[in-house]
Amino acid sequence: MVSQGTRYKEEQIIRSLREIESGTSVAEVCRKYGIAEQTVYRWRSKYAGLDTSELQRLRELEAENSRLKKIVAQQALDIDALKDLVSKKW
């Protein structure tokens, strides 16, 4: 899922997290990219261990999940409308 309002693309986030994993300090990476340490820890919890191919698969799954949720919501509306129609006395 691409968060709304982000300044950094997922590839940039993964690159900065790899820098930290390779031994660069969190504070140094934060200064380099102009981010808060809390942001790094939030990114780490979301993107830890992902590479770019896994990230692409994650995006595909999130898009599919969103599409399926819309379908379910539409079906729920259709069912509700049909129940309402059937319950009326003619």
PDB file of N, CA and C in Angstrom:
ATOM      1  N   MET A   1       0.836  -1.151   0.000  1.00  0.00           N
ATOM      2  CA  MET A   1       0.000   0.000   0.000  1.00  0.00           C
ATOM      3  C   MET A   1       0.885   1.219   0.000  1.00  0.00           C
ATOM      4  N   VAL A   2       0.554   2.126  -0.933  1.00  0.00           N
ATOM      5  CA  VAL A   2       1.286   3.373  -0.972  1.00  0.00           C
ATOM      6  C   VAL A   2       0.556   4.350  -0.076  1.00  0.00           C
ATOM      7  N   SER A   3       1.256   4.797   0.950  1.00  0.00           N
ATOM      8  CA  SER A   3       0.637   5.718   1.892  1.00  0.00           C
ATOM      9  C   SER A   3       0.387   7.048   1.219  1.00  0.00           C
ATOM     10  N   GLN A   4      -0.674   7.673   1.627  1.00  0.00           N
ATOM     11  CA  GLN A   4      -0.982   8.965   1.041  1.00  0.00           C
ATOM     12  C   GLN A   4      -0.132  10.043   1.682  1.00  0.00           C
ATOM     13  N   GLY A   5       0.321  10.982   0.889  1.00  0.00           N
ATOM     14  CA  GLY A   5       1.078  12.108   1.395  1.00  0.00           C
ATOM     15  C   GLY A   5       2.537  11.815   1.701  1.00  0.00           C
ATOM     16  N   THR A   6       3.097  10.728   1.188  1.00  0.00           N
ATOM     17  CA  THR A   6       4.491  10.423   1.475  1.00  0.00           C
ATOM     18  C   THR A   6       5.398  11.197   0.540  1.00  0.00           C
ATOM     19  N   ARG A   7       6.569  11.517   1.047  1.00  0.00           N
ATOM     20  CA  ARG A   7       7.565  12.211   0.241  1.00  0.00           C
ATOM     21  C   ARG A   7       8.491  11.227  -0.440  1.00  0.00           C
ATOM     22  N   TYR A   8       8.552  10.012   0.073  1.00  0.00           N
ATOM     23  CA  TYR A   8       9.510   9.037  -0.406  1.00  0.00           C
ATOM     24  C   TYR A   8       8.803   7.845  -1.025  1.00  0.00           C
ATOM     25  N   LYS A   9       9.356   7.364  -2.123  1.00  0.00           N
ATOM     26  CA  LYS A   9       8.834   6.155  -2.741  1.00  0.00           C
ATOM     27  C   LYS A   9       9.347   4.951  -1.950  1.00  0.00           C
ATOM     28  N   GLU A  10       8.663   3.828  -2.106  1.00  0.00           N
ATOM     29  CA  GLU A  10       9.048   2.640  -1.362  1.00  0.00           C
ATOM     30  C   GLU A  10      10.480   2.211  -1.665  1.00  0.00           C
ATOM     31  N   GLU A  11      10.902   2.382  -2.912  1.00  0.00           N
ATOM     32  CA  GLU A  11      12.271   2.015  -3.276  1.00  0.00           C
ATOM     33  C   GLU A  11      13.280   2.851  -2.496  1.00  0.00           C
ATOM     34  N   GLN A  12      12.991   4.141  -2.322  1.00  0.00           N
ATOM     35  CA  GLN A  12      13.874   5.016  -1.551  1.00  0.00           C
ATOM     36  C   GLN A  12      13.880   4.609  -0.081  1.00  0.00           C
ATOM     37  N   ILE A  13      12.721   4.227   0.423  1.00  0.00           N
ATOM     38  CA  ILE A  13      12.622   3.809   1.816  1.00  0.00           C
ATOM     39  C   ILE A  13      13.443   2.550   2.037  1.00  0.00           C
ATOM     40  N   ILE A  14      13.307   1.582   1.142  1.00  0.00           N
ATOM     41  CA  ILE A  14      14.057   0.332   1.268  1.00  0.00           C
ATOM     42  C   ILE A  14      15.556   0.595   1.177  1.00  0.00           C
ATOM     43  N   ARG A  15      15.948   1.494   0.273  1.00  0.00           N
ATOM     44  CA  ARG A  15      17.366   1.831   0.147  1.00  0.00           C
ATOM     45  C   ARG A  15      17.914   2.427   1.444  1.00  0.00           C
ATOM     46  N   SER A  16      17.148   3.321   2.060  1.00  0.00           N
ATOM     47  CA  SER A  16      17.621   3.929   3.307  1.00  0.00           C
ATOM     48  C   SER A  16      17.661   2.902   4.434  1.00  0.00           C
ATOM     49  N   LEU A  17      16.706   1.975   4.465  1.00  0.00           N
ATOM     50  CA  LEU A  17      16.728   0.932   5.485  1.00  0.00           C
ATOM     51  C   LEU A  17      17.907  -0.015   5.282  1.00  0.00           C
ATOM     52  N   ARG A  18      18.264  -0.269   4.032  1.00  0.00           N
ATOM     53  CA  ARG A  18      19.441  -1.116   3.759  1.00  0.00           C
ATOM     54  C   ARG A  18      20.722  -0.444   4.238  1.00  0.00           C
ATOM     55  N   GLU A  19      20.778   0.881   4.105  1.00  0.00           N
ATOM     56  CA  GLU A  19      21.949   1.612   4.612  1.00  0.00           C
ATOM     57  C   GLU A  19      22.102   1.386   6.111  1.00  0.00           C
ATOM     58  N   ILE A  20      20.985   1.432   6.828  1.00  0.00           N
ATOM     59  CA  ILE A  20      21.021   1.216   8.279  1.00  0.00           C
ATOM     60  C   ILE A  20      21.459  -0.207   8.581  1.00  0.00           C
ATOM     61  N   GLU A  21      20.934  -1.178   7.815  1.00  0.00           N
ATOM     62  CA  GLU A  21      21.307  -2.574   8.022  1.00  0.00           C
ATOM     63  C   GLU A  21      22.782  -2.817   7.734  1.00  0.00           C
ATOM     64  N   SER A  22      23.357  -2.038   6.827  1.00  0.00           N
ATOM     65  CA  SER A  22      24.765  -2.226   6.475  1.00  0.00           C
ATOM     66  C   SER A  22      25.713  -1.585   7.475  1.00  0.00           C
ATOM     67  N   GLY A  23      25.168  -0.905   8.479  1.00  0.00           N
ATOM     68  CA  GLY A  23      26.030  -0.382   9.531  1.00  0.00           C
ATOM     69  C   GLY A  23      25.987   1.119   9.723  1.00  0.00           C
ATOM     70  N   THR A  24      25.364   1.847   8.825  1.00  0.00           N
ATOM     71  CA  THR A  24      25.234   3.286   8.990  1.00  0.00           C
ATOM     72  C   THR A  24      24.267   3.554  10.141  1.00  0.00           C
ATOM     73  N   SER A  25      24.591   4.539  10.966  1.00  0.00           N
ATOM     74  CA  SER A  25      23.740   4.811  12.120  1.00  0.00           C
ATOM     75  C   SER A  25      22.404   5.408  11.679  1.00  0.00           C
ATOM     76  N   VAL A  26      21.399   5.184  12.500  1.00  0.00           N
ATOM     77  CA  VAL A  26      20.061   5.713  12.215  1.00  0.00           C
ATOM     78  C   VAL A  26      20.116   7.236  12.154  1.00  0.00           C
ATOM     79  N   ALA A  27      20.833   7.846  13.086  1.00  0.00           N
ATOM     80  CA  ALA A  27      20.919   9.306  13.121  1.00  0.00           C
ATOM     81  C   ALA A  27      21.550   9.855  11.841  1.00  0.00           C
ATOM     82  N   GLU A  28      22.578   9.165  11.340  1.00  0.00           N
ATOM     83  CA  GLU A  28      23.238   9.618  10.123  1.00  0.00           C
ATOM     84  C   GLU A  28      22.309   9.516   8.912  1.00  0.00           C
ATOM     85  N   VAL A  29      21.566   8.418   8.810  1.00  0.00           N
ATOM     86  CA  VAL A  29      20.623   8.250   7.713  1.00  0.00           C
ATOM     87  C   VAL A  29      19.518   9.305   7.812  1.00  0.00           C
ATOM     88  N   CYS A  30      19.074   9.588   9.027  1.00  0.00           N
ATOM     89  CA  CYS A  30      18.033  10.608   9.219  1.00  0.00           C
ATOM     90  C   CYS A  30      18.516  11.974   8.753  1.00  0.00           C
ATOM     91  N   ARG A  31      19.751  12.325   9.083  1.00  0.00           N
ATOM     92  CA  ARG A  31      20.301  13.605   8.633  1.00  0.00           C
ATOM     93  C   ARG A  31      20.436  13.635   7.113  1.00  0.00           C
ATOM     94  N   LYS A  32      20.897  12.521   6.551  1.00  0.00           N
ATOM     95  CA  LYS A  32      21.131  12.451   5.106  1.00  0.00           C
ATOM     96  C   LYS A  32      19.841  12.647   4.308  1.00  0.00           C
ATOM     97  N   TYR A  33      18.750  12.028   4.762  1.00  0.00           N
ATOM     98  CA  TYR A  33      17.498  12.088   4.015  1.00  0.00           C
ATOM     99  C   TYR A  33      16.495  13.089   4.586  1.00  0.00           C
ATOM    100  N   GLY A  34      16.826  13.731   5.696  1.00  0.00           N
ATOM    101  CA  GLY A  34      15.941  14.733   6.273  1.00  0.00           C
ATOM    102  C   GLY A  34      14.673  14.135   6.855  1.00  0.00           C
ATOM    103  N   ILE A  35      14.813  13.032   7.582  1.00  0.00           N
ATOM    104  CA  ILE A  35      13.661  12.362   8.183  1.00  0.00           C
ATOM    105  C   ILE A  35      13.865  12.225   9.678  1.00  0.00           C
ATOM    106  N   ALA A  36      12.781  12.021  10.389  1.00  0.00           N
ATOM    107  CA  ALA A  36      12.842  11.837  11.830  1.00  0.00           C
ATOM    108  C   ALA A  36      13.159  10.375  12.139  1.00  0.00           C
ATOM    109  N   GLU A  37      13.768  10.138  13.290  1.00  0.00           N
ATOM    110  CA  GLU A  37      14.085   8.766  13.690  1.00  0.00           C
ATOM    111  C   GLU A  37      12.818   7.933  13.818  1.00  0.00           C
ATOM    112  N   GLN A  38      11.743   8.533  14.299  1.00  0.00           N
ATOM    113  CA  GLN A  38      10.475   7.804  14.432  1.00  0.00           C
ATOM    114  C   GLN A  38       9.998   7.311  13.063  1.00  0.00           C
ATOM    115  N   THR A  39      10.245   8.107  12.027  1.00  0.00           N
ATOM    116  CA  THR A  39       9.880   7.695  10.674  1.00  0.00           C
ATOM    117  C   THR A  39      10.645   6.446  10.270  1.00  0.00           C
ATOM    118  N   VAL A  40      11.924   6.402  10.590  1.00  0.00           N
ATOM    119  CA  VAL A  40      12.744   5.233  10.271  1.00  0.00           C
ATOM    120  C   VAL A  40      12.190   3.996  10.964  1.00  0.00           C
ATOM    121  N   TYR A  41      11.824   4.125  12.231  1.00  0.00           N
ATOM    122  CA  TYR A  41      11.302   2.970  12.958  1.00  0.00           C
ATOM    123  C   TYR A  41       9.943   2.546  12.402  1.00  0.00           C
ATOM    124  N   ARG A  42       9.126   3.486  11.967  1.00  0.00           N
ATOM    125  CA  ARG A  42       7.840   3.153  11.342  1.00  0.00           C
ATOM    126  C   ARG A  42       8.077   2.440  10.011  1.00  0.00           C
ATOM    127  N   TRP A  43       9.023   2.951   9.221  1.00  0.00           N
ATOM    128  CA  TRP A  43       9.365   2.299   7.961  1.00  0.00           C
ATOM    129  C   TRP A  43       9.898   0.896   8.214  1.00  0.00           C
ATOM    130  N   ARG A  44      10.735   0.767   9.233  1.00  0.00           N
ATOM    131  CA  ARG A  44      11.336  -0.530   9.547  1.00  0.00           C
ATOM    132  C   ARG A  44      10.255  -1.549   9.888  1.00  0.00           C
ATOM    133  N   SER A  45       9.238  -1.126  10.632  1.00  0.00           N
ATOM    134  CA  SER A  45       8.181  -2.066  10.997  1.00  0.00           C
ATOM    135  C   SER A  45       7.348  -2.462   9.776  1.00  0.00           C
ATOM    136  N   LYS A  46       7.247  -1.583   8.800  1.00  0.00           N
ATOM    137  CA  LYS A  46       6.431  -1.873   7.616  1.00  0.00           C
ATOM    138  C   LYS A  46       7.220  -2.576   6.513  1.00  0.00           C
ATOM    139  N   TYR A  47       8.451  -2.163   6.280  1.00  0.00           N
ATOM    140  CA  TYR A  47       9.202  -2.622   5.118  1.00  0.00           C
ATOM    141  C   TYR A  47      10.393  -3.513   5.450  1.00  0.00           C
ATOM    142  N   ALA A  48      10.586  -3.893   6.696  1.00  0.00           N
ATOM    143  CA  ALA A  48      11.766  -4.672   7.080  1.00  0.00           C
ATOM    144  C   ALA A  48      11.824  -5.979   6.298  1.00  0.00           C
ATOM    145  N   GLY A  49      12.961  -6.243   5.704  1.00  0.00           N
ATOM    146  CA  GLY A  49      13.179  -7.501   5.010  1.00  0.00           C
ATOM    147  C   GLY A  49      12.621  -7.579   3.603  1.00  0.00           C
ATOM    148  N   LEU A  50      11.989  -6.524   3.112  1.00  0.00           N
ATOM    149  CA  LEU A  50      11.432  -6.547   1.757  1.00  0.00           C
ATOM    150  C   LEU A  50      12.492  -6.140   0.737  1.00  0.00           C
ATOM    151  N   ASP A  51      12.454  -6.770  -0.426  1.00  0.00           N
ATOM    152  CA  ASP A  51      13.231  -6.259  -1.536  1.00  0.00           C
ATOM    153  C   ASP A  51      12.249  -5.739  -2.584  1.00  0.00           C
ATOM    154  N   THR A  52      12.754  -5.226  -3.678  1.00  0.00           N
ATOM    155  CA  THR A  52      11.874  -4.551  -4.629  1.00  0.00           C
ATOM    156  C   THR A  52      10.871  -5.494  -5.290  1.00  0.00           C
ATOM    157  N   SER A  53      11.255  -6.750  -5.528  1.00  0.00           N
ATOM    158  CA  SER A  53      10.291  -7.674  -6.140  1.00  0.00           C
ATOM    159  C   SER A  53       9.161  -8.002  -5.165  1.00  0.00           C
ATOM    160  N   GLU A  54       9.506  -8.164  -3.888  1.00  0.00           N
ATOM    161  CA  GLU A  54       8.471  -8.411  -2.882  1.00  0.00           C
ATOM    162  C   GLU A  54       7.580  -7.189  -2.717  1.00  0.00           C
ATOM    163  N   LEU A  55       8.168  -6.024  -2.842  1.00  0.00           N
ATOM    164  CA  LEU A  55       7.403  -4.782  -2.748  1.00  0.00           C
ATOM    165  C   LEU A  55       6.391  -4.690  -3.889  1.00  0.00           C
ATOM    166  N   GLN A  56       6.807  -5.077  -5.089  1.00  0.00           N
ATOM    167  CA  GLN A  56       5.892  -5.067  -6.234  1.00  0.00           C
ATOM    168  C   GLN A  56       4.743  -6.031  -5.984  1.00  0.00           C
ATOM    169  N   ARG A  57       5.035  -7.209  -5.458  1.00  0.00           N
ATOM    170  CA  ARG A  57       3.994  -8.194  -5.161  1.00  0.00           C
ATOM    171  C   ARG A  57       3.054  -7.658  -4.084  1.00  0.00           C
ATOM    172  N   LEU A  58       3.607  -6.968  -3.082  1.00  0.00           N
ATOM    173  CA  LEU A  58       2.792  -6.363  -2.035  1.00  0.00           C
ATOM    174  C   LEU A  58       1.828  -5.341  -2.628  1.00  0.00           C
ATOM    175  N   ARG A  59       2.313  -4.516  -3.539  1.00  0.00           N
ATOM    176  CA  ARG A  59       1.453  -3.533  -4.198  1.00  0.00           C
ATOM    177  C   ARG A  59       0.325  -4.212  -4.967  1.00  0.00           C
ATOM    178  N   GLU A  60       0.668  -5.281  -5.693  1.00  0.00           N
ATOM    179  CA  GLU A  60      -0.346  -6.006  -6.460  1.00  0.00           C
ATOM    180  C   GLU A  60      -1.411  -6.592  -5.540  1.00  0.00           C
ATOM    181  N   LEU A  61      -0.979  -7.180  -4.434  1.00  0.00           N
ATOM    182  CA  LEU A  61      -1.924  -7.769  -3.496  1.00  0.00           C
ATOM    183  C   LEU A  61      -2.816  -6.712  -2.861  1.00  0.00           C
ATOM    184  N   GLU A  62      -2.248  -5.561  -2.532  1.00  0.00           N
ATOM    185  CA  GLU A  62      -3.046  -4.495  -1.942  1.00  0.00           C
ATOM    186  C   GLU A  62      -4.054  -3.946  -2.940  1.00  0.00           C
ATOM    187  N   ALA A  63      -3.664  -3.836  -4.207  1.00  0.00           N
ATOM    188  CA  ALA A  63      -4.595  -3.366  -5.232  1.00  0.00           C
ATOM    189  C   ALA A  63      -5.729  -4.373  -5.418  1.00  0.00           C
ATOM    190  N   GLU A  64      -5.386  -5.659  -5.440  1.00  0.00           N
ATOM    191  CA  GLU A  64      -6.410  -6.689  -5.575  1.00  0.00           C
ATOM    192  C   GLU A  64      -7.342  -6.691  -4.375  1.00  0.00           C
ATOM    193  N   ASN A  65      -6.772  -6.540  -3.188  1.00  0.00           N
ATOM    194  CA  ASN A  65      -7.576  -6.496  -1.968  1.00  0.00           C
ATOM    195  C   ASN A  65      -8.546  -5.319  -1.999  1.00  0.00           C
ATOM    196  N   SER A  66      -8.082  -4.185  -2.445  1.00  0.00           N
ATOM    197  CA  SER A  66      -8.941  -3.008  -2.555  1.00  0.00           C
ATOM    198  C   SER A  66     -10.085  -3.247  -3.537  1.00  0.00           C
ATOM    199  N   ARG A  67      -9.759  -3.857  -4.680  1.00  0.00           N
ATOM    200  CA  ARG A  67     -10.780  -4.152  -5.685  1.00  0.00           C
ATOM    201  C   ARG A  67     -11.822  -5.118  -5.127  1.00  0.00           C
ATOM    202  N   LEU A  68     -11.375  -6.143  -4.413  1.00  0.00           N
ATOM    203  CA  LEU A  68     -12.298  -7.115  -3.847  1.00  0.00           C
ATOM    204  C   LEU A  68     -13.179  -6.500  -2.763  1.00  0.00           C
ATOM    205  N   LYS A  69     -12.621  -5.594  -1.973  1.00  0.00           N
ATOM    206  CA  LYS A  69     -13.427  -4.910  -0.958  1.00  0.00           C
ATOM    207  C   LYS A  69     -14.532  -4.077  -1.599  1.00  0.00           C
ATOM    208  N   LYS A  70     -14.216  -3.431  -2.723  1.00  0.00           N
ATOM    209  CA  LYS A  70     -15.227  -2.647  -3.430  1.00  0.00           C
ATOM    210  C   LYS A  70     -16.340  -3.551  -3.954  1.00  0.00           C
ATOM    211  N   ILE A  71     -15.954  -4.713  -4.470  1.00  0.00           N
ATOM    212  CA  ILE A  71     -16.956  -5.662  -4.975  1.00  0.00           C
ATOM    213  C   ILE A  71     -17.867  -6.120  -3.853  1.00  0.00           C
ATOM    214  N   VAL A  72     -17.292  -6.467  -2.703  1.00  0.00           N
ATOM    215  CA  VAL A  72     -18.091  -6.913  -1.564  1.00  0.00           C
ATOM    216  C   VAL A  72     -19.020  -5.806  -1.092  1.00  0.00           C
ATOM    217  N   ALA A  73     -18.528  -4.579  -1.043  1.00  0.00           N
ATOM    218  CA  ALA A  73     -19.372  -3.452  -0.623  1.00  0.00           C
ATOM    219  C   ALA A  73     -20.533  -3.256  -1.587  1.00  0.00           C
ATOM    220  N   GLN A  74     -20.258  -3.366  -2.890  1.00  0.00           N
ATOM    221  CA  GLN A  74     -21.320  -3.213  -3.880  1.00  0.00           C
ATOM    222  C   GLN A  74     -22.351  -4.334  -3.755  1.00  0.00           C
ATOM    223  N   GLN A  75     -21.895  -5.552  -3.516  1.00  0.00           N
ATOM    224  CA  GLN A  75     -22.821  -6.674  -3.344  1.00  0.00           C
ATOM    225  C   GLN A  75     -23.682  -6.477  -2.100  1.00  0.00           C
ATOM    226  N   ALA A  76     -23.080  -5.960  -1.034  1.00  0.00           N
ATOM    227  CA  ALA A  76     -23.844  -5.709   0.185  1.00  0.00           C
ATOM    228  C   ALA A  76     -24.933  -4.669  -0.075  1.00  0.00           C
ATOM    229  N   LEU A  77     -24.603  -3.644  -0.841  1.00  0.00           N
ATOM    230  CA  LEU A  77     -25.609  -2.627  -1.194  1.00  0.00           C
ATOM    231  C   LEU A  77     -26.720  -3.233  -2.054  1.00  0.00           C
ATOM    232  N   ASP A  78     -26.343  -4.068  -3.008  1.00  0.00           N
ATOM    233  CA  ASP A  78     -27.338  -4.717  -3.866  1.00  0.00           C
ATOM    234  C   ASP A  78     -28.263  -5.618  -3.051  1.00  0.00           C
ATOM    235  N   ILE A  79     -27.708  -6.393  -2.146  1.00  0.00           N
ATOM    236  CA  ILE A  79     -28.511  -7.286  -1.304  1.00  0.00           C
ATOM    237  C   ILE A  79     -29.471  -6.481  -0.444  1.00  0.00           C
ATOM    238  N   ASP A  80     -28.954  -5.390   0.125  1.00  0.00           N
ATOM    239  CA  ASP A  80     -29.792  -4.540   0.970  1.00  0.00           C
ATOM    240  C   ASP A  80     -30.947  -3.941   0.157  1.00  0.00           C
ATOM    241  N   ALA A  81     -30.649  -3.487  -1.049  1.00  0.00           N
ATOM    242  CA  ALA A  81     -31.697  -2.911  -1.908  1.00  0.00           C
ATOM    243  C   ALA A  81     -32.727  -3.966  -2.287  1.00  0.00           C
ATOM    244  N   LEU A  82     -32.279  -5.179  -2.585  1.00  0.00           N
ATOM    245  CA  LEU A  82     -33.210  -6.252  -2.938  1.00  0.00           C
ATOM    246  C   LEU A  82     -34.078  -6.652  -1.753  1.00  0.00           C
ATOM    247  N   LYS A  83     -33.495  -6.710  -0.573  1.00  0.00           N
ATOM    248  CA  LYS A  83     -34.273  -7.032   0.628  1.00  0.00           C
ATOM    249  C   LYS A  83     -35.325  -5.961   0.876  1.00  0.00           C
ATOM    250  N   ASP A  84     -34.943  -4.716   0.686  1.00  0.00           N
ATOM    251  CA  ASP A  84     -35.870  -3.608   0.868  1.00  0.00           C
ATOM    252  C   ASP A  84     -37.014  -3.705  -0.139  1.00  0.00           C
ATOM    253  N   LEU A  85     -36.678  -4.041  -1.370  1.00  0.00           N
ATOM    254  CA  LEU A  85     -37.686  -4.167  -2.419  1.00  0.00           C
ATOM    255  C   LEU A  85     -38.639  -5.320  -2.158  1.00  0.00           C
ATOM    256  N   VAL A  86     -38.101  -6.448  -1.713  1.00  0.00           N
ATOM    257  CA  VAL A  86     -38.922  -7.635  -1.450  1.00  0.00           C
ATOM    258  C   VAL A  86     -39.821  -7.423  -0.233  1.00  0.00           C
ATOM    259  N   SER A  87     -39.364  -6.659   0.743  1.00  0.00           N
ATOM    260  CA  SER A  87     -40.142  -6.472   1.952  1.00  0.00           C
ATOM    261  C   SER A  87     -41.336  -5.551   1.759  1.00  0.00           C
ATOM    262  N   LYS A  88     -41.372  -4.776   0.699  1.00  0.00           N
ATOM    263  CA  LYS A  88     -42.502  -3.879   0.442  1.00  0.00           C
ATOM    264  C   LYS A  88     -43.701  -4.702  -0.029  1.00  0.00           C
ATOM    265  N   LYS A  89     -44.845  -4.296   0.403  1.00  0.00           N
ATOM    266  CA  LYS A  89     -46.075  -4.986  -0.008  1.00  0.00           C
ATOM    267  C   LYS A  89     -46.610  -4.320  -1.259  1.00  0.00           C
ATOM    268  N   TRP A  90     -46.952  -5.133  -2.205  1.00  0.00           N
ATOM    269  CA  TRP A  90     -47.445  -4.617  -3.480  1.00  0.00           C
ATOM    270  C   TRP A  90     -48.899  -4.584  -3.473  1.00  0.00           C
TER     271      TRP A  90
END
